[in-house]
All heavy atoms as atom14 arrays in JSON, in Angstrom:
{
  "sequence": "DGFAVTAMPDGLSGLDAFRARRPDIALLDVMVPGLDGVSLCRRIRD",
  "atom14_mask": [
    [1, 1, 1, 1, 1, 1, 1, 1, 0, 0, 0, 0, 0, 0],
    [1, 1, 1, 1, 0, 0, 0, 0, 0, 0, 0, 0, 0, 0],
    [1, 1, 1, 1, 1, 1, 1, 1, 1, 1, 1, 0, 0, 0],
    [1, 1, 1, 1, 1, 0, 0, 0, 0, 0, 0, 0, 0, 0],
    [1, 1, 1, 1, 1, 1, 1, 0, 0, 0, 0, 0, 0, 0],
    [1, 1, 1, 1, 1, 1, 1, 0, 0, 0, 0, 0, 0, 0],
    [1, 1, 1, 1, 1, 0, 0, 0, 0, 0, 0, 0, 0, 0],
    [1, 1, 1, 1, 1, 1, 1, 1, 0, 0, 0, 0, 0, 0],
    [1, 1, 1, 1, 1, 1, 1, 0, 0, 0, 0, 0, 0, 0],
    [1, 1, 1, 1, 1, 1, 1, 1, 0, 0, 0, 0, 0, 0],
    [1, 1, 1, 1, 0, 0, 0, 0, 0, 0, 0, 0, 0, 0],
    [1, 1, 1, 1, 1, 1, 1, 1, 0, 0, 0, 0, 0, 0],
    [1, 1, 1, 1, 1, 1, 0, 0, 0, 0, 0, 0, 0, 0],
    [1, 1, 1, 1, 0, 0, 0, 0, 0, 0, 0, 0, 0, 0],
    [1, 1, 1, 1, 1, 1, 1, 1, 0, 0, 0, 0, 0, 0],
    [1, 1, 1, 1, 1, 1, 1, 1, 0, 0, 0, 0, 0, 0],
    [1, 1, 1, 1, 1, 0, 0, 0, 0, 0, 0, 0, 0, 0],
    [1, 1, 1, 1, 1, 1, 1, 1, 1, 1, 1, 0, 0, 0],
    [1, 1, 1, 1, 1, 1, 1, 1, 1, 1, 1, 0, 0, 0],
    [1, 1, 1, 1, 1, 0, 0, 0, 0, 0, 0, 0, 0, 0],
    [1, 1, 1, 1, 1, 1, 1, 1, 1, 1, 1, 0, 0, 0],
    [1, 1, 1, 1, 1, 1, 1, 1, 1, 1, 1, 0, 0, 0],
    [1, 1, 1, 1, 1, 1, 1, 0, 0, 0, 0, 0, 0, 0],
    [1, 1, 1, 1, 1, 1, 1, 1, 0, 0, 0, 0, 0, 0],
    [1, 1, 1, 1, 1, 1, 1, 1, 0, 0, 0, 0, 0, 0],
    [1, 1, 1, 1, 1, 0, 0, 0, 0, 0, 0, 0, 0, 0],
    [1, 1, 1, 1, 1, 1, 1, 1, 0, 0, 0, 0, 0, 0],
    [1, 1, 1, 1, 1, 1, 1, 1, 0, 0, 0, 0, 0, 0],
    [1, 1, 1, 1, 1, 1, 1, 1, 0, 0, 0, 0, 0, 0],
    [1, 1, 1, 1, 1, 1, 1, 0, 0, 0, 0, 0, 0, 0],
    [1, 1, 1, 1, 1, 1, 1, 1, 0, 0, 0, 0, 0, 0],
    [1, 1, 1, 1, 1, 1, 1, 0, 0, 0, 0, 0, 0, 0],
    [1, 1, 1, 1, 1, 1, 1, 0, 0, 0, 0, 0, 0, 0],
    [1, 1, 1, 1, 0, 0, 0, 0, 0, 0, 0, 0, 0, 0],
    [1, 1, 1, 1, 1, 1, 1, 1, 0, 0, 0, 0, 0, 0],
    [1, 1, 1, 1, 1, 1, 1, 1, 0, 0, 0, 0, 0, 0],
    [1, 1, 1, 1, 0, 0, 0, 0, 0, 0, 0, 0, 0, 0],
    [1, 1, 1, 1, 1, 1, 1, 0, 0, 0, 0, 0, 0, 0],
    [1, 1, 1, 1, 1, 1, 0, 0, 0, 0, 0, 0, 0, 0],
    [1, 1, 1, 1, 1, 1, 1, 1, 0, 0, 0, 0, 0, 0],
    [1, 1, 1, 1, 1, 1, 0, 0, 0, 0, 0, 0, 0, 0],
    [1, 1, 1, 1, 1, 1, 1, 1, 1, 1, 1, 0, 0, 0],
    [1, 1, 1, 1, 1, 1, 1, 1, 1, 1, 1, 0, 0, 0],
    [1, 1, 1, 1, 1, 1, 1, 1, 0, 0, 0, 0, 0, 0],
    [1, 1, 1, 1, 1, 1, 1, 1, 1, 1, 1, 0, 0, 0],
    [1, 1, 1, 1, 1, 1, 1, 1, 0, 0, 0, 0, 0, 0]
  ],
  "atom14_positions": [
    [[81.57, -17.8, 16.39], [81.19, -16.47, 16.38], [79.69, -16.3, 16.57], [79.14, -15.17, 16.47], [81.68, -15.83, 15.2], [83.04, -15.24, 15.2], [83.24, -14.17, 15.86], [84.0, -15.86, 14.7], [0.0, 0.0, 0.0], [0.0, 0.0, 0.0], [0.0, 0.0, 0.0], [0.0, 0.0, 0.0], [0.0, 0.0, 0.0], [0.0, 0.0, 0.0]],
    [[79.01, -17.42, 16.86], [77.62, -17.24, 17.16], [76.55, -17.47, 16.07], [75.51, -17.23, 16.25], [0.0, 0.0, 0.0], [0.0, 0.0, 0.0], [0.0, 0.0, 0.0], [0.0, 0.0, 0.0], [0.0, 0.0, 0.0], [0.0, 0.0, 0.0], [0.0, 0.0, 0.0], [0.0, 0.0, 0.0], [0.0, 0.0, 0.0], [0.0, 0.0, 0.0]],
    [[77.07, -17.9, 14.86], [76.18, -18.08, 13.74], [75.61, -19.58, 13.68], [76.38, -20.36, 14.05], [76.92, -17.89, 12.35], [77.36, -16.41, 12.19], [78.82, -16.01, 12.45], [76.48, -15.52, 11.62], [79.09, -14.66, 12.27], [76.9, -14.13, 11.41], [78.18, -13.76, 11.76], [0.0, 0.0, 0.0], [0.0, 0.0, 0.0], [0.0, 0.0, 0.0]],
    [[74.5, -19.69, 13.18], [74.09, -21.02, 12.84], [74.39, -21.33, 11.5], [74.02, -20.46, 10.55], [72.5, -21.12, 13.11], [0.0, 0.0, 0.0], [0.0, 0.0, 0.0], [0.0, 0.0, 0.0], [0.0, 0.0, 0.0], [0.0, 0.0, 0.0], [0.0, 0.0, 0.0], [0.0, 0.0, 0.0], [0.0, 0.0, 0.0], [0.0, 0.0, 0.0]],
    [[74.93, -22.5, 11.11], [75.46, -22.73, 9.82], [75.01, -24.06, 9.24], [74.92, -25.0, 9.91], [77.02, -22.79, 9.83], [77.56, -23.01, 8.41], [77.65, -21.58, 10.41], [0.0, 0.0, 0.0], [0.0, 0.0, 0.0], [0.0, 0.0, 0.0], [0.0, 0.0, 0.0], [0.0, 0.0, 0.0], [0.0, 0.0, 0.0], [0.0, 0.0, 0.0]],
    [[74.35, -23.82, 8.05], [74.11, -25.14, 7.2], [75.15, -25.17, 6.07], [75.22, -24.23, 5.28], [72.7, -24.98, 6.55], [71.61, -24.9, 7.5], [72.34, -26.1, 5.62], [0.0, 0.0, 0.0], [0.0, 0.0, 0.0], [0.0, 0.0, 0.0], [0.0, 0.0, 0.0], [0.0, 0.0, 0.0], [0.0, 0.0, 0.0], [0.0, 0.0, 0.0]],
    [[75.93, -26.09, 6.16], [77.08, -26.3, 5.16], [76.76, -27.41, 4.07], [76.37, -28.63, 4.63], [78.27, -26.55, 5.9], [0.0, 0.0, 0.0], [0.0, 0.0, 0.0], [0.0, 0.0, 0.0], [0.0, 0.0, 0.0], [0.0, 0.0, 0.0], [0.0, 0.0, 0.0], [0.0, 0.0, 0.0], [0.0, 0.0, 0.0], [0.0, 0.0, 0.0]],
    [[76.89, -27.14, 2.94], [76.57, -27.99, 1.86], [77.82, -28.21, 0.9], [78.51, -27.28, 0.66], [75.34, -27.67, 1.08], [74.12, -27.84, 1.87], [73.7, -29.49, 2.36], [72.22, -29.26, 3.44], [0.0, 0.0, 0.0], [0.0, 0.0, 0.0], [0.0, 0.0, 0.0], [0.0, 0.0, 0.0], [0.0, 0.0, 0.0], [0.0, 0.0, 0.0]],
    [[78.16, -29.47, 0.37], [79.16, -29.64, -0.5], [78.98, -29.37, -2.07], [79.98, -29.5, -2.63], [79.53, -31.18, -0.25], [78.12, -31.75, -0.14], [77.24, -30.77, 0.62], [0.0, 0.0, 0.0], [0.0, 0.0, 0.0], [0.0, 0.0, 0.0], [0.0, 0.0, 0.0], [0.0, 0.0, 0.0], [0.0, 0.0, 0.0], [0.0, 0.0, 0.0]],
    [[77.79, -29.19, -2.46], [77.61, -28.81, -3.85], [76.44, -27.89, -4.04], [75.69, -27.66, -3.15], [77.41, -30.15, -4.57], [76.16, -31.0, -4.13], [75.01, -30.62, -4.5], [76.3, -31.96, -3.37], [0.0, 0.0, 0.0], [0.0, 0.0, 0.0], [0.0, 0.0, 0.0], [0.0, 0.0, 0.0], [0.0, 0.0, 0.0], [0.0, 0.0, 0.0]],
    [[76.39, -27.5, -5.32], [75.32, -26.36, -5.6], [73.94, -26.94, -5.5], [72.99, -26.17, -5.07], [0.0, 0.0, 0.0], [0.0, 0.0, 0.0], [0.0, 0.0, 0.0], [0.0, 0.0, 0.0], [0.0, 0.0, 0.0], [0.0, 0.0, 0.0], [0.0, 0.0, 0.0], [0.0, 0.0, 0.0], [0.0, 0.0, 0.0], [0.0, 0.0, 0.0]],
    [[73.72, -28.13, -5.89], [72.26, -28.61, -5.95], [71.67, -28.84, -4.53], [70.56, -28.39, -4.28], [72.17, -29.97, -6.76], [72.43, -29.84, -8.26], [72.34, -31.2, -8.98], [71.23, -29.0, -8.85], [0.0, 0.0, 0.0], [0.0, 0.0, 0.0], [0.0, 0.0, 0.0], [0.0, 0.0, 0.0], [0.0, 0.0, 0.0], [0.0, 0.0, 0.0]],
    [[72.64, -29.47, -3.7], [72.15, -29.6, -2.29], [72.04, -28.25, -1.53], [71.28, -28.06, -0.7], [73.12, -30.58, -1.47], [74.5, -29.92, -1.36], [0.0, 0.0, 0.0], [0.0, 0.0, 0.0], [0.0, 0.0, 0.0], [0.0, 0.0, 0.0], [0.0, 0.0, 0.0], [0.0, 0.0, 0.0], [0.0, 0.0, 0.0], [0.0, 0.0, 0.0]],
    [[72.89, -27.14, -1.98], [72.83, -25.96, -1.41], [71.5, -25.26, -1.81], [70.91, -24.5, -1.04], [0.0, 0.0, 0.0], [0.0, 0.0, 0.0], [0.0, 0.0, 0.0], [0.0, 0.0, 0.0], [0.0, 0.0, 0.0], [0.0, 0.0, 0.0], [0.0, 0.0, 0.0], [0.0, 0.0, 0.0], [0.0, 0.0, 0.0], [0.0, 0.0, 0.0]],
    [[71.2, -25.52, -3.08], [69.81, -24.81, -3.55], [68.68, -25.53, -2.67], [67.77, -24.87, -2.26], [69.51, -25.2, -4.88], [68.31, -24.51, -5.52], [68.26, -23.03, -5.35], [68.17, -24.86, -7.1], [0.0, 0.0, 0.0], [0.0, 0.0, 0.0], [0.0, 0.0, 0.0], [0.0, 0.0, 0.0], [0.0, 0.0, 0.0], [0.0, 0.0, 0.0]],
    [[68.71, -26.87, -2.48], [67.59, -27.43, -1.76], [67.69, -26.94, -0.33], [66.56, -26.7, 0.27], [67.92, -29.02, -1.59], [67.59, -29.63, -3.05], [66.96, -29.14, -3.76], [68.18, -30.73, -3.24], [0.0, 0.0, 0.0], [0.0, 0.0, 0.0], [0.0, 0.0, 0.0], [0.0, 0.0, 0.0], [0.0, 0.0, 0.0], [0.0, 0.0, 0.0]],
    [[68.92, -26.72, 0.37], [69.01, -26.23, 1.63], [68.33, -24.8, 1.66], [67.79, -24.43, 2.74], [70.45, -26.36, 2.23], [0.0, 0.0, 0.0], [0.0, 0.0, 0.0], [0.0, 0.0, 0.0], [0.0, 0.0, 0.0], [0.0, 0.0, 0.0], [0.0, 0.0, 0.0], [0.0, 0.0, 0.0], [0.0, 0.0, 0.0], [0.0, 0.0, 0.0]],
    [[68.64, -24.04, 0.69], [68.18, -22.73, 0.7], [66.6, -22.59, 0.61], [65.99, -21.83, 1.44], [68.7, -21.92, -0.45], [68.17, -20.52, -0.71], [68.53, -19.56, -0.05], [67.1, -20.47, -1.66], [67.96, -18.18, -0.27], [66.4, -19.26, -1.9], [66.93, -18.14, -1.27], [0.0, 0.0, 0.0], [0.0, 0.0, 0.0], [0.0, 0.0, 0.0]],
    [[66.05, -23.49, -0.17], [64.59, -23.47, -0.31], [63.98, -24.11, 1.07], [62.86, -23.8, 1.4], [64.24, -24.28, -1.48], [64.59, -23.48, -2.78], [64.33, -24.45, -3.98], [64.46, -23.57, -5.21], [64.5, -24.19, -6.46], [64.48, -25.57, -6.56], [64.59, -23.51, -7.48], [0.0, 0.0, 0.0], [0.0, 0.0, 0.0], [0.0, 0.0, 0.0]],
    [[64.72, -24.92, 1.67], [63.94, -25.68, 2.82], [63.99, -24.75, 4.02], [63.07, -24.82, 4.82], [64.8, -27.0, 3.18], [0.0, 0.0, 0.0], [0.0, 0.0, 0.0], [0.0, 0.0, 0.0], [0.0, 0.0, 0.0], [0.0, 0.0, 0.0], [0.0, 0.0, 0.0], [0.0, 0.0, 0.0], [0.0, 0.0, 0.0], [0.0, 0.0, 0.0]],
    [[65.17, -23.94, 4.2], [65.07, -23.02, 5.18], [65.78, -21.77, 4.79], [67.06, -21.67, 4.69], [65.78, -23.62, 6.54], [65.87, -22.69, 7.61], [66.72, -23.17, 8.79], [67.14, -22.23, 9.71], [67.99, -22.3, 10.73], [68.57, -23.43, 10.79], [68.06, -21.3, 11.61], [0.0, 0.0, 0.0], [0.0, 0.0, 0.0], [0.0, 0.0, 0.0]],
    [[65.06, -20.66, 4.5], [65.69, -19.46, 3.93], [66.7, -18.97, 4.91], [66.34, -18.52, 6.08], [64.58, -18.46, 3.71], [63.58, -18.94, 2.5], [64.32, -19.11, 1.33], [63.6, -19.65, 0.17], [62.95, -18.87, -0.82], [63.28, -17.7, -0.83], [62.26, -19.44, -1.69], [0.0, 0.0, 0.0], [0.0, 0.0, 0.0], [0.0, 0.0, 0.0]],
    [[68.0, -18.9, 4.57], [68.98, -18.33, 5.39], [68.93, -16.7, 5.48], [68.37, -16.15, 4.68], [70.3, -18.9, 4.83], [69.91, -18.9, 3.33], [68.52, -19.39, 3.19], [0.0, 0.0, 0.0], [0.0, 0.0, 0.0], [0.0, 0.0, 0.0], [0.0, 0.0, 0.0], [0.0, 0.0, 0.0], [0.0, 0.0, 0.0], [0.0, 0.0, 0.0]],
    [[69.73, -16.28, 6.47], [69.79, -14.89, 6.52], [71.0, -14.35, 5.53], [70.87, -13.2, 5.18], [70.14, -14.47, 7.9], [69.1, -14.77, 8.85], [68.05, -14.19, 8.67], [69.41, -15.57, 9.77], [0.0, 0.0, 0.0], [0.0, 0.0, 0.0], [0.0, 0.0, 0.0], [0.0, 0.0, 0.0], [0.0, 0.0, 0.0], [0.0, 0.0, 0.0]],
    [[71.91, -15.24, 5.13], [72.98, -14.81, 4.22], [73.49, -16.19, 3.7], [73.5, -17.3, 4.29], [74.04, -14.01, 4.92], [75.06, -13.53, 3.89], [74.69, -14.89, 5.96], [76.15, -12.39, 4.56], [0.0, 0.0, 0.0], [0.0, 0.0, 0.0], [0.0, 0.0, 0.0], [0.0, 0.0, 0.0], [0.0, 0.0, 0.0], [0.0, 0.0, 0.0]],
    [[74.03, -16.1, 2.42], [74.64, -17.26, 1.75], [76.01, -16.96, 1.38], [76.29, -15.86, 0.78], [73.68, -17.52, 0.49], [0.0, 0.0, 0.0], [0.0, 0.0, 0.0], [0.0, 0.0, 0.0], [0.0, 0.0, 0.0], [0.0, 0.0, 0.0], [0.0, 0.0, 0.0], [0.0, 0.0, 0.0], [0.0, 0.0, 0.0], [0.0, 0.0, 0.0]],
    [[76.87, -17.96, 1.66], [78.33, -17.88, 1.2], [78.45, -18.98, 0.17], [78.28, -20.12, 0.48], [79.17, -18.15, 2.48], [79.1, -17.21, 3.56], [80.02, -17.72, 4.79], [79.36, -15.85, 3.3], [0.0, 0.0, 0.0], [0.0, 0.0, 0.0], [0.0, 0.0, 0.0], [0.0, 0.0, 0.0], [0.0, 0.0, 0.0], [0.0, 0.0, 0.0]],
    [[78.81, -18.74, -0.97], [78.84, -19.63, -2.12], [80.19, -19.5, -2.71], [80.69, -18.61, -3.2], [77.85, -19.27, -3.16], [76.4, -18.95, -2.69], [75.51, -18.61, -3.93], [75.87, -20.03, -2.09], [0.0, 0.0, 0.0], [0.0, 0.0, 0.0], [0.0, 0.0, 0.0], [0.0, 0.0, 0.0], [0.0, 0.0, 0.0], [0.0, 0.0, 0.0]],
    [[80.87, -20.75, -2.68], [82.11, -20.88, -3.45], [81.82, -20.89, -4.88], [80.81, -21.54, -5.32], [82.79, -22.14, -3.08], [84.21, -22.35, -3.63], [85.06, -21.41, -3.59], [84.53, -23.51, -4.27], [0.0, 0.0, 0.0], [0.0, 0.0, 0.0], [0.0, 0.0, 0.0], [0.0, 0.0, 0.0], [0.0, 0.0, 0.0], [0.0, 0.0, 0.0]],
    [[82.64, -20.29, -5.71], [82.45, -20.28, -7.21], [82.44, -21.67, -7.85], [81.54, -22.11, -8.56], [83.53, -19.17, -7.8], [83.37, -19.5, -9.4], [83.06, -17.84, -7.29], [0.0, 0.0, 0.0], [0.0, 0.0, 0.0], [0.0, 0.0, 0.0], [0.0, 0.0, 0.0], [0.0, 0.0, 0.0], [0.0, 0.0, 0.0], [0.0, 0.0, 0.0]],
    [[83.52, -22.35, -7.44], [83.68, -23.68, -7.99], [83.23, -24.85, -7.23], [83.97, -25.37, -6.47], [85.22, -23.85, -8.34], [85.81, -22.76, -9.16], [84.88, -22.68, -10.93], [85.58, -24.29, -11.49], [0.0, 0.0, 0.0], [0.0, 0.0, 0.0], [0.0, 0.0, 0.0], [0.0, 0.0, 0.0], [0.0, 0.0, 0.0], [0.0, 0.0, 0.0]],
    [[81.91, -25.13, -7.36], [81.38, -26.19, -6.68], [80.75, -27.28, -7.73], [80.19, -26.69, -8.73], [80.34, -25.92, -5.55], [81.05, -25.16, -4.36], [79.38, -24.97, -6.1], [0.0, 0.0, 0.0], [0.0, 0.0, 0.0], [0.0, 0.0, 0.0], [0.0, 0.0, 0.0], [0.0, 0.0, 0.0], [0.0, 0.0, 0.0], [0.0, 0.0, 0.0]],
    [[80.69, -28.42, -7.46], [80.14, -29.42, -8.37], [78.59, -29.26, -8.48], [77.93, -28.77, -7.55], [80.64, -30.8, -7.99], [80.82, -30.6, -6.47], [81.24, -29.18, -6.31], [0.0, 0.0, 0.0], [0.0, 0.0, 0.0], [0.0, 0.0, 0.0], [0.0, 0.0, 0.0], [0.0, 0.0, 0.0], [0.0, 0.0, 0.0], [0.0, 0.0, 0.0]],
    [[78.0, -29.9, -9.42], [76.58, -30.09, -9.65], [75.94, -28.86, -10.17], [75.43, -28.83, -11.33], [0.0, 0.0, 0.0], [0.0, 0.0, 0.0], [0.0, 0.0, 0.0], [0.0, 0.0, 0.0], [0.0, 0.0, 0.0], [0.0, 0.0, 0.0], [0.0, 0.0, 0.0], [0.0, 0.0, 0.0], [0.0, 0.0, 0.0], [0.0, 0.0, 0.0]],
    [[75.95, -27.63, -9.49], [75.44, -26.46, -9.84], [76.54, -25.44, -9.4], [76.67, -25.28, -8.13], [74.11, -26.16, -9.33], [73.29, -24.82, -9.61], [72.99, -24.91, -11.17], [72.11, -24.71, -8.79], [0.0, 0.0, 0.0], [0.0, 0.0, 0.0], [0.0, 0.0, 0.0], [0.0, 0.0, 0.0], [0.0, 0.0, 0.0], [0.0, 0.0, 0.0]],
    [[77.31, -24.81, -10.2], [78.36, -23.93, -9.79], [77.81, -22.68, -8.93], [76.65, -22.41, -9.06], [79.26, -23.51, -10.99], [78.43, -22.59, -11.93], [78.35, -21.25, -11.59], [77.99, -23.09, -12.99], [0.0, 0.0, 0.0], [0.0, 0.0, 0.0], [0.0, 0.0, 0.0], [0.0, 0.0, 0.0], [0.0, 0.0, 0.0], [0.0, 0.0, 0.0]],
    [[78.69, -22.0, -8.2], [78.42, -21.07, -7.36], [77.68, -19.86, -8.07], [76.71, -19.25, -7.52], [0.0, 0.0, 0.0], [0.0, 0.0, 0.0], [0.0, 0.0, 0.0], [0.0, 0.0, 0.0], [0.0, 0.0, 0.0], [0.0, 0.0, 0.0], [0.0, 0.0, 0.0], [0.0, 0.0, 0.0], [0.0, 0.0, 0.0], [0.0, 0.0, 0.0]],
    [[78.1, -19.51, -9.24], [77.57, -18.47, -10.03], [76.14, -18.74, -10.29], [75.1, -17.98, -10.33], [78.37, -18.05, -11.23], [77.61, -16.99, -12.06], [79.69, -17.51, -10.84], [0.0, 0.0, 0.0], [0.0, 0.0, 0.0], [0.0, 0.0, 0.0], [0.0, 0.0, 0.0], [0.0, 0.0, 0.0], [0.0, 0.0, 0.0], [0.0, 0.0, 0.0]],
    [[75.9, -20.02, -10.91], [74.51, -20.37, -11.26], [73.5, -20.44, -10.1], [72.38, -20.17, -10.19], [74.55, -21.76, -12.1], [75.29, -21.59, -13.2], [0.0, 0.0, 0.0], [0.0, 0.0, 0.0], [0.0, 0.0, 0.0], [0.0, 0.0, 0.0], [0.0, 0.0, 0.0], [0.0, 0.0, 0.0], [0.0, 0.0, 0.0], [0.0, 0.0, 0.0]],
    [[74.24, -21.01, -8.86], [73.37, -21.05, -7.68], [73.01, -19.69, -7.16], [71.86, -19.47, -6.88], [74.15, -21.83, -6.62], [73.6, -21.85, -5.25], [72.28, -22.42, -5.31], [74.52, -22.57, -4.39], [0.0, 0.0, 0.0], [0.0, 0.0, 0.0], [0.0, 0.0, 0.0], [0.0, 0.0, 0.0], [0.0, 0.0, 0.0], [0.0, 0.0, 0.0]],
    [[73.84, -18.71, -7.38], [73.61, -17.42, -6.95], [72.49, -16.74, -7.73], [71.47, -16.21, -7.27], [74.87, -16.49, -7.11], [74.59, -14.71, -6.76], [0.0, 0.0, 0.0], [0.0, 0.0, 0.0], [0.0, 0.0, 0.0], [0.0, 0.0, 0.0], [0.0, 0.0, 0.0], [0.0, 0.0, 0.0], [0.0, 0.0, 0.0], [0.0, 0.0, 0.0]],
    [[72.56, -17.08, -9.09], [71.51, -16.56, -9.97], [70.14, -17.19, -9.66], [69.07, -16.52, -9.72], [71.81, -16.99, -11.45], [70.91, -16.29, -12.47], [71.52, -16.45, -13.89], [72.93, -15.76, -14.24], [73.89, -16.38, -14.16], [74.03, -17.72, -14.26], [75.1, -15.64, -14.52], [0.0, 0.0, 0.0], [0.0, 0.0, 0.0], [0.0, 0.0, 0.0]],
    [[70.11, -18.54, -9.23], [68.88, -19.14, -8.93], [68.39, -18.44, -7.64], [67.18, -18.3, -7.42], [69.11, -20.67, -8.71], [69.54, -21.3, -10.05], [68.36, -21.66, -11.05], [67.61, -22.75, -10.39], [67.89, -24.08, -10.6], [68.95, -24.38, -11.45], [66.95, -24.99, -10.14], [0.0, 0.0, 0.0], [0.0, 0.0, 0.0], [0.0, 0.0, 0.0]],
    [[69.21, -18.36, -6.81], [68.74, -17.69, -5.35], [68.23, -16.27, -5.71], [67.2, -15.92, -5.11], [69.96, -17.58, -4.41], [70.3, -19.08, -3.81], [69.53, -16.69, -3.23], [71.51, -19.11, -2.92], [0.0, 0.0, 0.0], [0.0, 0.0, 0.0], [0.0, 0.0, 0.0], [0.0, 0.0, 0.0], [0.0, 0.0, 0.0], [0.0, 0.0, 0.0]],
    [[68.97, -15.5, -6.51], [68.48, -14.21, -6.72], [67.22, -14.1, -7.47], [66.42, -13.1, -7.36], [69.52, -13.41, -7.52], [69.29, -11.95, -7.71], [69.23, -11.26, -6.28], [70.3, -11.21, -5.57], [70.48, -11.51, -4.3], [69.58, -12.06, -3.7], [71.6, -11.34, -3.7], [0.0, 0.0, 0.0], [0.0, 0.0, 0.0], [0.0, 0.0, 0.0]],
    [[66.87, -15.29, -8.23], [65.51, -15.24, -8.84], [64.33, -15.45, -7.85], [63.19, -15.02, -8.16], [65.49, -16.46, -9.87], [66.24, -16.22, -11.19], [66.54, -14.88, -11.45], [66.56, -17.2, -11.84], [0.0, 0.0, 0.0], [0.0, 0.0, 0.0], [0.0, 0.0, 0.0], [0.0, 0.0, 0.0], [0.0, 0.0, 0.0], [0.0, 0.0, 0.0]]
  ]
}
């Protein structure tokens, strides 16, 4: 559909990817290992 996607398997790698290249939008599964989606959302929102 034309999106560029960075896909990560867990919350910690997701946080690193977010900080490395700020995305336009984040899709976060609630139940992911390392750092769950809710905690990751909170870190992103900070």
